[in-house]
Amino acid sequence: MDERPATNQEIIHHFRAHRRVSFDHWARECLDRRTEHGVRHKTRGNSTLRVRDGVPMVRHLGEDYPLKATHYTLPSGRTFVASATII
């Protein structure tokens, strides 16, 4: 399996503009009374994909961040984009 960074056009084409995207982000503490310490660390989020000047962006905590992802090619020739992360 080959992998490489996905181009902006591949990300936009795969996730389609104005659709929900699930992405990784830095750890953020969230209140959770069920845990021992009262907080949990959230490392995934989801938001609507927006395109600004050809750059795919997602909104996280009120700010827009560029999105990066990985393009995979299987031995069978099938390709897909996954592992979305905000920069």
N, C-alpha and C. Protein backbone atom coordinates (compact mmCIF):
# COMPACT_ATOMS: atom_id res chain seq x y z
N MET A 1 0.85 -1.17 0.00
CA MET A 1 0.00 0.00 0.00
C MET A 1 0.90 1.23 0.00
N ASP A 2 0.63 2.13 -0.92
CA ASP A 2 1.37 3.39 -1.01
C ASP A 2 0.58 4.48 -0.30
N GLU A 3 1.29 5.34 0.39
CA GLU A 3 0.64 6.49 1.02
C GLU A 3 1.48 7.73 0.81
N ARG A 4 0.78 8.85 0.69
CA ARG A 4 1.44 10.14 0.50
C ARG A 4 0.47 11.22 0.99
N PRO A 5 0.97 12.43 1.24
CA PRO A 5 0.06 13.52 1.61
C PRO A 5 -0.91 13.82 0.47
N ALA A 6 -2.17 14.00 0.80
CA ALA A 6 -3.18 14.30 -0.21
C ALA A 6 -3.11 15.78 -0.60
N THR A 7 -3.38 16.05 -1.86
CA THR A 7 -3.43 17.44 -2.33
C THR A 7 -4.76 18.05 -1.89
N ASN A 8 -4.82 19.37 -1.94
CA ASN A 8 -6.06 20.05 -1.56
C ASN A 8 -7.22 19.62 -2.43
N GLN A 9 -6.99 19.46 -3.74
CA GLN A 9 -8.06 19.05 -4.65
C GLN A 9 -8.57 17.65 -4.33
N GLU A 10 -7.67 16.74 -3.96
CA GLU A 10 -8.08 15.38 -3.59
C GLU A 10 -8.93 15.40 -2.34
N ILE A 11 -8.57 16.22 -1.37
CA ILE A 11 -9.36 16.32 -0.13
C ILE A 11 -10.75 16.87 -0.43
N ILE A 12 -10.80 17.94 -1.22
CA ILE A 12 -12.09 18.54 -1.56
C ILE A 12 -12.96 17.57 -2.34
N HIS A 13 -12.37 16.86 -3.30
CA HIS A 13 -13.13 15.90 -4.11
C HIS A 13 -13.63 14.74 -3.25
N HIS A 14 -12.80 14.23 -2.34
CA HIS A 14 -13.18 13.07 -1.53
C HIS A 14 -14.27 13.41 -0.51
N PHE A 15 -14.08 14.49 0.23
CA PHE A 15 -15.02 14.83 1.29
C PHE A 15 -16.18 15.68 0.81
N ARG A 16 -16.11 16.24 -0.37
CA ARG A 16 -17.14 17.09 -0.96
C ARG A 16 -17.42 18.30 -0.07
N ALA A 17 -17.39 19.46 -0.66
CA ALA A 17 -17.60 20.70 0.08
C ALA A 17 -18.97 20.69 0.76
N HIS A 18 -19.04 21.30 1.90
CA HIS A 18 -20.26 21.45 2.72
C HIS A 18 -20.77 20.12 3.27
N ARG A 19 -19.87 19.16 3.49
CA ARG A 19 -20.23 17.89 4.11
C ARG A 19 -19.49 17.78 5.43
N ARG A 20 -19.99 16.99 6.36
CA ARG A 20 -19.35 16.81 7.65
C ARG A 20 -18.09 15.98 7.49
N VAL A 21 -17.03 16.40 8.18
CA VAL A 21 -15.74 15.72 8.13
C VAL A 21 -15.31 15.43 9.56
N SER A 22 -14.86 14.22 9.82
CA SER A 22 -14.31 13.86 11.12
C SER A 22 -12.79 13.98 11.02
N PHE A 23 -12.17 14.65 12.01
CA PHE A 23 -10.74 14.91 11.93
C PHE A 23 -10.09 14.81 13.30
N ASP A 24 -8.77 14.60 13.30
CA ASP A 24 -7.99 14.59 14.53
C ASP A 24 -7.57 16.01 14.86
N HIS A 25 -7.43 16.29 16.16
CA HIS A 25 -6.90 17.58 16.59
C HIS A 25 -6.14 17.37 17.89
N TRP A 26 -5.54 18.45 18.37
CA TRP A 26 -4.79 18.34 19.62
C TRP A 26 -5.73 17.99 20.76
N ALA A 27 -5.19 17.42 21.83
CA ALA A 27 -6.01 16.99 22.96
C ALA A 27 -6.65 18.20 23.64
N ARG A 28 -7.92 18.06 23.97
CA ARG A 28 -8.68 19.11 24.64
C ARG A 28 -9.40 18.49 25.82
N GLU A 29 -9.35 19.13 26.98
CA GLU A 29 -10.02 18.60 28.16
C GLU A 29 -11.50 18.96 28.13
N CYS A 30 -12.35 17.97 28.37
CA CYS A 30 -13.79 18.16 28.42
C CYS A 30 -14.31 17.64 29.76
N LEU A 31 -15.28 18.32 30.32
CA LEU A 31 -15.87 17.90 31.59
C LEU A 31 -16.54 16.54 31.44
N ASP A 32 -16.23 15.62 32.32
CA ASP A 32 -16.85 14.29 32.32
C ASP A 32 -16.84 13.78 33.76
N ARG A 33 -17.96 13.89 34.43
CA ARG A 33 -18.04 13.52 35.85
C ARG A 33 -17.92 12.02 36.09
N ARG A 34 -18.04 11.22 35.05
CA ARG A 34 -17.94 9.77 35.22
C ARG A 34 -16.50 9.31 35.39
N THR A 35 -15.54 10.14 35.03
CA THR A 35 -14.14 9.74 35.14
C THR A 35 -13.60 10.06 36.52
N GLU A 36 -12.46 9.48 36.84
CA GLU A 36 -11.86 9.64 38.17
C GLU A 36 -11.47 11.10 38.44
N HIS A 37 -10.91 11.77 37.44
CA HIS A 37 -10.42 13.13 37.63
C HIS A 37 -11.41 14.20 37.17
N GLY A 38 -12.55 13.81 36.62
CA GLY A 38 -13.57 14.76 36.22
C GLY A 38 -13.42 15.35 34.83
N VAL A 39 -12.38 14.94 34.09
CA VAL A 39 -12.20 15.43 32.72
C VAL A 39 -11.79 14.26 31.83
N ARG A 40 -12.02 14.41 30.54
CA ARG A 40 -11.51 13.45 29.56
C ARG A 40 -10.84 14.24 28.45
N HIS A 41 -9.97 13.59 27.74
CA HIS A 41 -9.24 14.25 26.66
C HIS A 41 -9.85 13.85 25.33
N LYS A 42 -10.37 14.84 24.62
CA LYS A 42 -11.00 14.61 23.32
C LYS A 42 -9.97 14.92 22.23
N THR A 43 -9.77 13.98 21.33
CA THR A 43 -8.78 14.19 20.26
C THR A 43 -9.40 14.06 18.87
N ARG A 44 -10.71 13.91 18.76
CA ARG A 44 -11.37 13.88 17.46
C ARG A 44 -12.50 14.88 17.47
N GLY A 45 -12.73 15.46 16.33
CA GLY A 45 -13.82 16.41 16.18
C GLY A 45 -14.46 16.23 14.82
N ASN A 46 -15.57 16.92 14.59
CA ASN A 46 -16.17 16.91 13.26
C ASN A 46 -16.74 18.28 12.97
N SER A 47 -16.72 18.63 11.71
CA SER A 47 -17.17 19.94 11.28
C SER A 47 -17.50 19.88 9.79
N THR A 48 -18.11 20.93 9.30
CA THR A 48 -18.42 21.03 7.88
C THR A 48 -17.19 21.48 7.12
N LEU A 49 -16.92 20.82 6.01
CA LEU A 49 -15.79 21.20 5.16
C LEU A 49 -16.13 22.49 4.42
N ARG A 50 -15.23 23.46 4.49
CA ARG A 50 -15.38 24.73 3.78
C ARG A 50 -14.18 24.89 2.86
N VAL A 51 -14.37 25.53 1.74
CA VAL A 51 -13.27 25.75 0.80
C VAL A 51 -13.05 27.24 0.66
N ARG A 52 -11.83 27.69 0.98
CA ARG A 52 -11.46 29.10 0.85
C ARG A 52 -10.23 29.21 -0.02
N ASP A 53 -10.36 29.86 -1.14
CA ASP A 53 -9.24 30.04 -2.08
C ASP A 53 -8.59 28.72 -2.44
N GLY A 54 -9.39 27.66 -2.59
CA GLY A 54 -8.87 26.36 -2.98
C GLY A 54 -8.27 25.55 -1.84
N VAL A 55 -8.38 26.04 -0.61
CA VAL A 55 -7.83 25.34 0.55
C VAL A 55 -8.98 24.78 1.38
N PRO A 56 -8.99 23.45 1.65
CA PRO A 56 -10.04 22.88 2.49
C PRO A 56 -9.85 23.30 3.95
N MET A 57 -10.91 23.80 4.59
CA MET A 57 -10.84 24.28 5.96
C MET A 57 -12.00 23.70 6.76
N VAL A 58 -11.77 23.53 8.06
CA VAL A 58 -12.82 23.13 8.99
C VAL A 58 -12.82 24.10 10.16
N ARG A 59 -13.98 24.28 10.78
CA ARG A 59 -14.10 25.18 11.93
C ARG A 59 -13.95 24.34 13.20
N HIS A 60 -13.04 24.78 14.08
CA HIS A 60 -12.80 24.10 15.35
C HIS A 60 -12.64 25.16 16.43
N LEU A 61 -13.47 25.09 17.46
CA LEU A 61 -13.45 26.06 18.57
C LEU A 61 -13.56 27.50 18.07
N GLY A 62 -14.40 27.72 17.06
CA GLY A 62 -14.66 29.06 16.56
C GLY A 62 -13.67 29.61 15.57
N GLU A 63 -12.66 28.86 15.21
CA GLU A 63 -11.67 29.33 14.24
C GLU A 63 -11.57 28.35 13.08
N ASP A 64 -11.22 28.86 11.90
CA ASP A 64 -11.03 28.00 10.73
C ASP A 64 -9.59 27.53 10.66
N TYR A 65 -9.41 26.22 10.43
CA TYR A 65 -8.09 25.62 10.31
C TYR A 65 -7.99 24.86 9.00
N PRO A 66 -6.83 24.92 8.33
CA PRO A 66 -6.64 24.12 7.12
C PRO A 66 -6.63 22.63 7.47
N LEU A 67 -7.11 21.83 6.55
CA LEU A 67 -7.21 20.38 6.76
C LEU A 67 -6.15 19.68 5.92
N LYS A 68 -5.48 18.71 6.50
CA LYS A 68 -4.56 17.88 5.73
C LYS A 68 -5.00 16.43 5.90
N ALA A 69 -4.62 15.59 4.94
CA ALA A 69 -5.03 14.19 4.97
C ALA A 69 -3.98 13.35 4.25
N THR A 70 -4.19 12.05 4.26
CA THR A 70 -3.28 11.12 3.60
C THR A 70 -4.02 10.42 2.47
N HIS A 71 -3.36 10.30 1.32
CA HIS A 71 -3.92 9.61 0.15
C HIS A 71 -3.31 8.21 0.10
N TYR A 72 -4.16 7.19 0.07
CA TYR A 72 -3.70 5.80 0.05
C TYR A 72 -4.02 5.17 -1.30
N THR A 73 -3.11 4.33 -1.79
CA THR A 73 -3.33 3.54 -2.99
C THR A 73 -3.08 2.08 -2.65
N LEU A 74 -4.11 1.25 -2.82
CA LEU A 74 -4.01 -0.18 -2.52
C LEU A 74 -3.36 -0.92 -3.70
N PRO A 75 -2.80 -2.13 -3.48
CA PRO A 75 -2.22 -2.89 -4.58
C PRO A 75 -3.20 -3.17 -5.72
N SER A 76 -4.50 -3.21 -5.39
CA SER A 76 -5.51 -3.46 -6.42
C SER A 76 -5.74 -2.23 -7.31
N GLY A 77 -5.16 -1.08 -6.92
CA GLY A 77 -5.35 0.14 -7.70
C GLY A 77 -6.39 1.08 -7.12
N ARG A 78 -7.13 0.62 -6.14
CA ARG A 78 -8.16 1.46 -5.49
C ARG A 78 -7.47 2.55 -4.67
N THR A 79 -7.99 3.78 -4.73
CA THR A 79 -7.42 4.89 -3.98
C THR A 79 -8.48 5.50 -3.07
N PHE A 80 -8.05 6.07 -1.96
CA PHE A 80 -8.94 6.77 -1.05
C PHE A 80 -8.15 7.75 -0.20
N VAL A 81 -8.87 8.68 0.41
CA VAL A 81 -8.26 9.69 1.28
C VAL A 81 -8.77 9.45 2.69
N ALA A 82 -7.86 9.44 3.67
CA ALA A 82 -8.23 9.21 5.06
C ALA A 82 -7.27 9.94 5.98
N SER A 83 -7.41 9.73 7.26
CA SER A 83 -6.53 10.32 8.28
C SER A 83 -6.53 11.84 8.22
N ALA A 84 -7.71 12.45 8.23
CA ALA A 84 -7.80 13.90 8.19
C ALA A 84 -7.35 14.49 9.53
N THR A 85 -6.55 15.54 9.46
CA THR A 85 -6.01 16.22 10.64
C THR A 85 -5.99 17.71 10.38
N ILE A 86 -6.23 18.51 11.42
CA ILE A 86 -6.10 19.95 11.24
C ILE A 86 -4.64 20.33 11.49
N ILE A 87 -4.21 21.37 10.83
CA ILE A 87 -2.81 21.80 10.92
C ILE A 87 -2.66 22.79 12.06
